[in-house]
Amino acid sequence: MSFKSITMFVHDPSAALTTLDYAILAARSWGAHLHIVAAGVDSTDPGFYYAGAQSIAIQQNLDFAQTQAREIEKVIRTRLHAEDINWDVETVTLMSGGLLSFISDHMRFFDVAILPLPYDDGQSQLDVAAFEACLFGADIPVIVVPKGNTQQPPTSRVLIAWDDGPEALAATRAVLPIIDSVDLTNICVVNPSDAGKDRSDPGGRLALLLSRAGATVEITVSAKLRSNVADQLMQHAKETGAEMIVMGAYGHSRFREAVIGGVTRTILRQAPVPVLLAN
């Protein structure tokens, strides 16, 4: 049991190929088909131009987006032509206003999306939009990959950031297709609640769910030692050699998360290893 259908959304022909390299390894490891959307995106607001110039500008911007899409397709095909996986590339041209609806509808027919870390330095609003459209619009799990990533799809150790919330449970269910191929799954509980049903056995019920799915499980329970729980989780991932962090997306409302930050947003900016998220 594993993911069998992987998708990517690529909008920048000059972007690093780290995410594509990871997706290729994942497709090979899981025996999956890799589908890549090579997108030229016209981000121009037509209302910016005066009436006489609008039609000319729109056509020029559309031509540029189409050229960009073809450049992306060429880069991808050059990288993939000798790979021993099943893959295809779909070339599209989009207006920025239609990006969310396209991704939300298109990506829902895949098992998982693999995208770059959305809040990392140098990433654009298109990266954030694509990430959120896959996660909240298409409602599929998303694996985000840091720049310069050296980790392969997990075979040794996975870290699950567990807070007993519905988002964390959704992420755990999302990783079940590959969990039995990982040597050890670490449930990491930071500063568990004294009032929850699992207060006497934090993570215990989740461990039972995972073990029944074929996982070998250990539970780590720790007090909050740092001002930011995200920093503590990332440090734990580094110290234990985790190859992937699994976590729920946006434990607070998305508006609050955007205003004050939060564990999810911090990890989406600084994660040292790939992160699987679900909502």
Foldseek 3Di string as FASTA:
>chain_A
DAFAFEEEEDAALPDDCPLVVQVLLRCVVRVHEYEYEQWQEQADDLVVDPPVCSVVVVVVSQVVSQVSSVSNVVSVCVVPVPRPHHYDYHGDYYYPVCLLVCLLVPLLVGQEYEAALQQAPPHDVSRVSNVCSVFPRSQHKYKHFYPPAPFHPAQEEEEQADQPDPQSVQLLVSRLNCQLNYAEYEYEYEQHDCPDPCNVPPCPVVVVVNVVSNHHYDYHYYYPPDPAVLVVVQVVCVVVVHQEYTGGPPPDPPVVCVVPPHNRRVCSHDRNHMYIYHD
